[in-house]
């Protein structure tokens, strides 16, 4: 059987054909690999910007919630420290007392240096005798407004400050 001719196996030809096709496919994939990386970079950038934006907006909503609680707390502080109080110190409450009280509470996530507290005693209640300024007699109103400059920083958006404000009003009890 030594005829000198080499007879190729049928399976070997088929294997070489598959290798040639797979190398052509790999060649195309290697050329497109850079575009996949670029598409992934753009997609991840947009996704991460959205995620961090949601975190920042959630923190802003949390801060507003804390501010509304702070305004109510300041009003409660003022209603028990009217002109007729005698047991609690400092008595009567002033705008400076209420501001220092709220800034000293250590509210979580709130920078006290960015918080401003404005207290007014609207004269819509009973007559202001004997005190006239502020009108903090029992039965009159006290209004506390808390303002906060929230530093908003979302990726790819210019950093800015959002001013938040919450107001609470109650009747002075003592």
Foldseek 3Di string as FASTA:
>chain_A
DPPPDDDDDPVVVVVVVVVVVVVVVVVVCVVCVVVVVVVVVVVVVVVVLVVVLVVLVVLVVVVLVLQQVLQVVLQVVQLQQFQPHDPDPPHNDDQVNSLVVSLPPCRPPANSVQKDKDKAFDPPFDDQPPHVVRSRDAGTKMKIKMKGFQFGDGPPDDIGTDIHMHMDMDGRHD
